[in-house]
Amino acid sequence: MNLTRDRVHSIGWVSVLLVCAAFSLALMLRVNAVKSQVAASEKRIVYVERDIDFLQTEFQTRSNQQQLKALNEVEFGYEAPKAAQYIEGERQLAALGNAPAPGAPAPIRYASADVPADGDAGGASAILAMVSPVTGAAPAAKAEKETVKLAAADVQEGRALARDARDIGKRLARIETAGSAE
């Protein structure tokens, strides 16, 4: 086989072209692998930023809760509701309409704070010991007058509730149809 000079040049250029194509293909595969690693890293960065935002929000929420708790203890003296302050269901509500049995405990009508006895340190007495920031006077005199008014209001409310309790059985036993309600 007699190879001419032009033929050897052609075979040489084709082989160089094939080698360059192989290197280009290998380089392209390597670039795509690095791009996928960069995309995965960016995705992890986004997840970490979301976690950081969540943790910052959680931290701010918890710090606000601590501030609100401290403010509540100093200024207001509110307490969280307890389970004993609520009616359990319709039957217990209907039972409030019956006259209480002898020795039965008083029904829970509304949420209220426990009032400590005179001389206790802390609790509600700490609130009563506060003074007005405007006048500088202690609210003890007003508190006594309000206590007397509240006691009278409680007696009147108790009488009204007893009257309603006697009548509730009749009202619950009565069935009204749409025609008779008009």
C-alpha atoms as a PDB file:
ATOM      1  CA  MET A   1       0.000   0.000   0.000  1.00  0.00           C
ATOM      2  CA  ASN A   2       1.474   3.153  -1.137  1.00  0.00           C
ATOM      3  CA  LEU A   3       0.521   6.130   0.964  1.00  0.00           C
ATOM      4  CA  THR A   4       0.978   9.465  -0.487  1.00  0.00           C
ATOM      5  CA  ARG A   5       1.953  12.469   1.381  1.00  0.00           C
ATOM      6  CA  ASP A   6      -1.493  14.088   1.097  1.00  0.00           C
ATOM      7  CA  ARG A   7      -3.109  10.924   2.312  1.00  0.00           C
ATOM      8  CA  VAL A   8      -0.874  10.843   5.434  1.00  0.00           C
ATOM      9  CA  HIS A   9      -1.726  14.491   6.146  1.00  0.00           C
ATOM     10  CA  SER A  10      -5.440  13.734   5.874  1.00  0.00           C
ATOM     11  CA  ILE A  11      -5.196  10.765   8.230  1.00  0.00           C
ATOM     12  CA  GLY A  12      -3.148  12.871  10.667  1.00  0.00           C
ATOM     13  CA  TRP A  13      -5.693  15.717  10.686  1.00  0.00           C
ATOM     14  CA  VAL A  14      -8.595  13.294  11.163  1.00  0.00           C
ATOM     15  CA  SER A  15      -6.798  11.627  14.077  1.00  0.00           C
ATOM     16  CA  VAL A  16      -6.024  15.046  15.642  1.00  0.00           C
ATOM     17  CA  LEU A  17      -9.676  16.010  15.139  1.00  0.00           C
ATOM     18  CA  LEU A  18     -10.854  12.781  16.819  1.00  0.00           C
ATOM     19  CA  VAL A  19      -8.484  13.334  19.773  1.00  0.00           C
ATOM     20  CA  CYS A  20      -9.725  16.934  20.147  1.00  0.00           C
ATOM     21  CA  ALA A  21     -13.350  15.735  19.998  1.00  0.00           C
ATOM     22  CA  ALA A  22     -12.619  13.129  22.698  1.00  0.00           C
ATOM     23  CA  PHE A  23     -10.976  15.767  24.943  1.00  0.00           C
ATOM     24  CA  SER A  24     -13.905  18.167  24.316  1.00  0.00           C
ATOM     25  CA  LEU A  25     -16.383  15.429  25.258  1.00  0.00           C
ATOM     26  CA  ALA A  26     -14.437  14.619  28.440  1.00  0.00           C
ATOM     27  CA  LEU A  27     -14.202  18.327  29.319  1.00  0.00           C
ATOM     28  CA  MET A  28     -17.943  18.809  28.698  1.00  0.00           C
ATOM     29  CA  LEU A  29     -18.784  15.869  30.999  1.00  0.00           C
ATOM     30  CA  ARG A  30     -16.501  17.264  33.692  1.00  0.00           C
ATOM     31  CA  VAL A  31     -18.084  20.753  33.411  1.00  0.00           C
ATOM     32  CA  ASN A  32     -21.584  19.268  33.711  1.00  0.00           C
ATOM     33  CA  ALA A  33     -20.517  17.307  36.808  1.00  0.00           C
ATOM     34  CA  VAL A  34     -19.163  20.485  38.415  1.00  0.00           C
ATOM     35  CA  LYS A  35     -22.378  22.372  37.475  1.00  0.00           C
ATOM     36  CA  SER A  36     -24.513  19.729  39.188  1.00  0.00           C
ATOM     37  CA  GLN A  37     -22.308  19.957  42.289  1.00  0.00           C
ATOM     38  CA  VAL A  38     -22.698  23.754  42.283  1.00  0.00           C
ATOM     39  CA  ALA A  39     -26.497  23.408  41.930  1.00  0.00           C
ATOM     40  CA  ALA A  40     -26.601  20.926  44.841  1.00  0.00           C
ATOM     41  CA  SER A  41     -24.478  23.290  46.951  1.00  0.00           C
ATOM     42  CA  GLU A  42     -26.766  26.225  46.142  1.00  0.00           C
ATOM     43  CA  LYS A  43     -29.773  24.121  47.107  1.00  0.00           C
ATOM     44  CA  ARG A  44     -28.131  23.282  50.447  1.00  0.00           C
ATOM     45  CA  ILE A  45     -27.351  26.977  50.965  1.00  0.00           C
ATOM     46  CA  VAL A  46     -31.039  27.844  50.408  1.00  0.00           C
ATOM     47  CA  TYR A  47     -32.092  25.176  52.923  1.00  0.00           C
ATOM     48  CA  VAL A  48     -29.595  26.462  55.490  1.00  0.00           C
ATOM     49  CA  GLU A  49     -30.805  30.059  54.957  1.00  0.00           C
ATOM     50  CA  ARG A  50     -34.390  28.893  55.526  1.00  0.00           C
ATOM     51  CA  ASP A  51     -33.319  27.145  58.709  1.00  0.00           C
ATOM     52  CA  ILE A  52     -31.512  30.285  59.872  1.00  0.00           C
ATOM     53  CA  ASP A  53     -34.623  32.404  59.180  1.00  0.00           C
ATOM     54  CA  PHE A  54     -36.780  29.886  61.056  1.00  0.00           C
ATOM     55  CA  LEU A  55     -34.420  29.867  64.031  1.00  0.00           C
ATOM     56  CA  GLN A  56     -34.243  33.670  64.097  1.00  0.00           C
ATOM     57  CA  THR A  57     -38.041  33.865  64.075  1.00  0.00           C
ATOM     58  CA  GLU A  58     -38.233  31.241  66.815  1.00  0.00           C
ATOM     59  CA  PHE A  59     -35.679  33.136  68.896  1.00  0.00           C
ATOM     60  CA  GLN A  60     -37.539  36.434  68.487  1.00  0.00           C
ATOM     61  CA  THR A  61     -40.845  34.762  69.353  1.00  0.00           C
ATOM     62  CA  ARG A  62     -39.433  33.164  72.476  1.00  0.00           C
ATOM     63  CA  SER A  63     -37.757  36.392  73.567  1.00  0.00           C
ATOM     64  CA  ASN A  64     -41.068  38.230  73.073  1.00  0.00           C
ATOM     65  CA  GLN A  65     -42.779  35.563  75.177  1.00  0.00           C
ATOM     66  CA  GLN A  66     -40.243  36.124  77.949  1.00  0.00           C
ATOM     67  CA  GLN A  67     -40.780  39.882  77.734  1.00  0.00           C
ATOM     68  CA  LEU A  68     -44.562  39.422  77.828  1.00  0.00           C
ATOM     69  CA  LYS A  69     -44.262  37.069  80.789  1.00  0.00           C
ATOM     70  CA  ALA A  70     -42.114  39.555  82.688  1.00  0.00           C
ATOM     71  CA  LEU A  71     -44.488  42.401  81.798  1.00  0.00           C
ATOM     72  CA  ASN A  72     -47.466  40.327  82.892  1.00  0.00           C
ATOM     73  CA  GLU A  73     -45.846  39.475  86.220  1.00  0.00           C
ATOM     74  CA  VAL A  74     -44.916  43.104  86.931  1.00  0.00           C
ATOM     75  CA  GLU A  75     -47.854  45.032  85.476  1.00  0.00           C
ATOM     76  CA  PHE A  76     -50.973  42.914  85.085  1.00  0.00           C
ATOM     77  CA  GLY A  77     -50.804  39.745  87.153  1.00  0.00           C
ATOM     78  CA  TYR A  78     -52.862  37.683  84.689  1.00  0.00           C
ATOM     79  CA  GLU A  79     -52.859  33.910  85.010  1.00  0.00           C
ATOM     80  CA  ALA A  80     -53.419  31.291  82.355  1.00  0.00           C
ATOM     81  CA  PRO A  81     -56.872  29.731  82.437  1.00  0.00           C
ATOM     82  CA  LYS A  82     -57.171  26.438  84.273  1.00  0.00           C
ATOM     83  CA  ALA A  83     -59.259  23.463  83.213  1.00  0.00           C
ATOM     84  CA  ALA A  84     -61.517  23.901  86.241  1.00  0.00           C
ATOM     85  CA  GLN A  85     -62.739  27.246  84.876  1.00  0.00           C
ATOM     86  CA  TYR A  86     -64.645  25.776  81.950  1.00  0.00           C
ATOM     87  CA  ILE A  87     -67.810  23.772  81.444  1.00  0.00           C
ATOM     88  CA  GLU A  88     -67.111  20.322  80.022  1.00  0.00           C
ATOM     89  CA  GLY A  89     -70.130  19.968  77.754  1.00  0.00           C
ATOM     90  CA  GLU A  90     -73.838  20.398  77.131  1.00  0.00           C
ATOM     91  CA  ARG A  91     -74.846  18.070  79.941  1.00  0.00           C
ATOM     92  CA  GLN A  92     -72.891  20.037  82.500  1.00  0.00           C
ATOM     93  CA  LEU A  93     -74.445  23.227  81.139  1.00  0.00           C
ATOM     94  CA  ALA A  94     -77.915  21.722  81.493  1.00  0.00           C
ATOM     95  CA  ALA A  95     -77.018  20.550  85.009  1.00  0.00           C
ATOM     96  CA  LEU A  96     -76.408  24.173  85.961  1.00  0.00           C
ATOM     97  CA  GLY A  97     -80.132  24.716  85.442  1.00  0.00           C
ATOM     98  CA  ASN A  98     -81.076  22.278  88.185  1.00  0.00           C
ATOM     99  CA  ALA A  99     -81.271  23.419  91.753  1.00  0.00           C
ATOM    100  CA  PRO A 100     -77.984  22.502  93.436  1.00  0.00           C
ATOM    101  CA  ALA A 101     -78.081  19.521  95.743  1.00  0.00           C
ATOM    102  CA  PRO A 102     -77.305  20.043  99.427  1.00  0.00           C
ATOM    103  CA  GLY A 103     -73.562  20.297  99.944  1.00  0.00           C
ATOM    104  CA  ALA A 104     -72.846  20.703  96.218  1.00  0.00           C
ATOM    105  CA  PRO A 105     -69.961  22.981  95.280  1.00  0.00           C
ATOM    106  CA  ALA A 106     -70.722  26.325  93.708  1.00  0.00           C
ATOM    107  CA  PRO A 107     -70.696  26.198  89.907  1.00  0.00           C
ATOM    108  CA  ILE A 108     -67.892  27.925  88.052  1.00  0.00           C
ATOM    109  CA  ARG A 109     -69.412  30.888  86.271  1.00  0.00           C
ATOM    110  CA  TYR A 110     -66.442  32.827  84.953  1.00  0.00           C
ATOM    111  CA  ALA A 111     -62.685  32.882  85.167  1.00  0.00           C
ATOM    112  CA  SER A 112     -61.363  34.654  88.218  1.00  0.00           C
ATOM    113  CA  ALA A 113     -58.087  35.030  90.047  1.00  0.00           C
ATOM    114  CA  ASP A 114     -57.578  33.651  93.519  1.00  0.00           C
ATOM    115  CA  VAL A 115     -57.561  36.435  96.090  1.00  0.00           C
ATOM    116  CA  PRO A 116     -55.031  35.801  98.875  1.00  0.00           C
ATOM    117  CA  ALA A 117     -55.919  36.504 102.481  1.00  0.00           C
ATOM    118  CA  ASP A 118     -54.822  39.790 104.018  1.00  0.00           C
ATOM    119  CA  GLY A 119     -51.178  39.813 105.030  1.00  0.00           C
ATOM    120  CA  ASP A 120     -49.974  37.479 102.248  1.00  0.00           C
ATOM    121  CA  ALA A 121     -46.864  38.686 100.498  1.00  0.00           C
ATOM    122  CA  GLY A 122     -47.023  38.423  96.729  1.00  0.00           C
ATOM    123  CA  GLY A 123     -49.841  37.479  94.390  1.00  0.00           C
ATOM    124  CA  ALA A 124     -52.688  39.955  94.103  1.00  0.00           C
ATOM    125  CA  SER A 125     -51.540  41.923  97.148  1.00  0.00           C
ATOM    126  CA  ALA A 126     -48.442  42.975  95.179  1.00  0.00           C
ATOM    127  CA  ILE A 127     -50.726  44.464  92.561  1.00  0.00           C
ATOM    128  CA  LEU A 128     -52.733  46.317  95.206  1.00  0.00           C
ATOM    129  CA  ALA A 129     -49.496  47.700  96.639  1.00  0.00           C
ATOM    130  CA  MET A 130     -48.720  49.518  93.398  1.00  0.00           C
ATOM    131  CA  VAL A 131     -49.227  53.246  93.209  1.00  0.00           C
ATOM    132  CA  SER A 132     -50.582  55.373  90.421  1.00  0.00           C
ATOM    133  CA  PRO A 133     -47.804  56.811  88.262  1.00  0.00           C
ATOM    134  CA  VAL A 134     -49.826  60.015  87.789  1.00  0.00           C
ATOM    135  CA  THR A 135     -51.026  60.806  91.320  1.00  0.00           C
ATOM    136  CA  GLY A 136     -48.650  58.682  93.400  1.00  0.00           C
ATOM    137  CA  ALA A 137     -51.545  57.492  95.568  1.00  0.00           C
ATOM    138  CA  ALA A 138     -52.050  53.849  96.492  1.00  0.00           C
ATOM    139  CA  PRO A 139     -55.274  52.327  95.162  1.00  0.00           C
ATOM    140  CA  ALA A 140     -56.121  50.702  98.516  1.00  0.00           C
ATOM    141  CA  ALA A 141     -59.078  52.990  99.277  1.00  0.00           C
ATOM    142  CA  LYS A 142     -60.521  52.547  95.816  1.00  0.00           C
ATOM    143  CA  ALA A 143     -59.986  48.809  96.049  1.00  0.00           C
ATOM    144  CA  GLU A 144     -62.026  48.608  99.269  1.00  0.00           C
ATOM    145  CA  LYS A 145     -64.923  50.522  97.713  1.00  0.00           C
ATOM    146  CA  GLU A 146     -64.761  48.359  94.587  1.00  0.00           C
ATOM    147  CA  THR A 147     -64.711  45.210  96.743  1.00  0.00           C
ATOM    148  CA  VAL A 148     -67.911  46.285  98.475  1.00  0.00           C
ATOM    149  CA  LYS A 149     -69.533  47.064  95.119  1.00  0.00           C
ATOM    150  CA  LEU A 150     -68.384  43.737  93.668  1.00  0.00           C
ATOM    151  CA  ALA A 151     -69.737  41.850  96.678  1.00  0.00           C
ATOM    152  CA  ALA A 152     -73.143  43.498  96.249  1.00  0.00           C
ATOM    153  CA  ALA A 153     -73.058  42.761  92.522  1.00  0.00           C
ATOM    154  CA  ASP A 154     -72.148  39.120  93.252  1.00  0.00           C
ATOM    155  CA  VAL A 155     -75.137  38.774  95.592  1.00  0.00           C
ATOM    156  CA  GLN A 156     -77.462  40.219  92.959  1.00  0.00           C
ATOM    157  CA  GLU A 157     -75.928  38.009  90.284  1.00  0.00           C
ATOM    158  CA  GLY A 158     -76.313  34.961  92.524  1.00  0.00           C
ATOM    159  CA  ARG A 159     -79.998  35.723  93.017  1.00  0.00           C
ATOM    160  CA  ALA A 160     -80.492  36.186  89.277  1.00  0.00           C
ATOM    161  CA  LEU A 161     -78.698  32.921  88.563  1.00  0.00           C
ATOM    162  CA  ALA A 162     -80.781  31.053  91.126  1.00  0.00           C
ATOM    163  CA  ARG A 163     -83.959  32.472  89.555  1.00  0.00           C
ATOM    164  CA  ASP A 164     -82.750  31.480  86.081  1.00  0.00           C
ATOM    165  CA  ALA A 165     -81.755  28.030  87.359  1.00  0.00           C
ATOM    166  CA  ARG A 166     -85.307  27.419  88.578  1.00  0.00           C
ATOM    167  CA  ASP A 167     -86.749  28.405  85.196  1.00  0.00           C
ATOM    168  CA  ILE A 168     -84.213  26.741  82.907  1.00  0.00           C
ATOM    169  CA  GLY A 169     -85.729  23.277  83.290  1.00  0.00           C
ATOM    170  CA  LYS A 170     -89.032  24.603  81.976  1.00  0.00           C
ATOM    171  CA  ARG A 171     -87.351  26.412  79.103  1.00  0.00           C
ATOM    172  CA  LEU A 172     -85.284  23.384  78.090  1.00  0.00           C
ATOM    173  CA  ALA A 173     -88.298  21.072  78.270  1.00  0.00           C
ATOM    174  CA  ARG A 174     -90.405  23.306  75.997  1.00  0.00           C
ATOM    175  CA  ILE A 175     -90.258  22.510  72.282  1.00  0.00           C
ATOM    176  CA  GLU A 176     -91.017  25.306  69.876  1.00  0.00           C
ATOM    177  CA  THR A 177     -91.712  24.762  66.212  1.00  0.00           C
ATOM    178  CA  ALA A 178     -90.977  27.339  63.548  1.00  0.00           C
ATOM    179  CA  GLY A 179     -94.653  28.341  63.321  1.00  0.00           C
ATOM    180  CA  SER A 180     -95.082  28.897  67.062  1.00  0.00           C
ATOM    181  CA  ALA A 181     -91.878  30.955  67.395  1.00  0.00           C
ATOM    182  CA  GLU A 182     -93.344  33.741  65.239  1.00  0.00           C
END
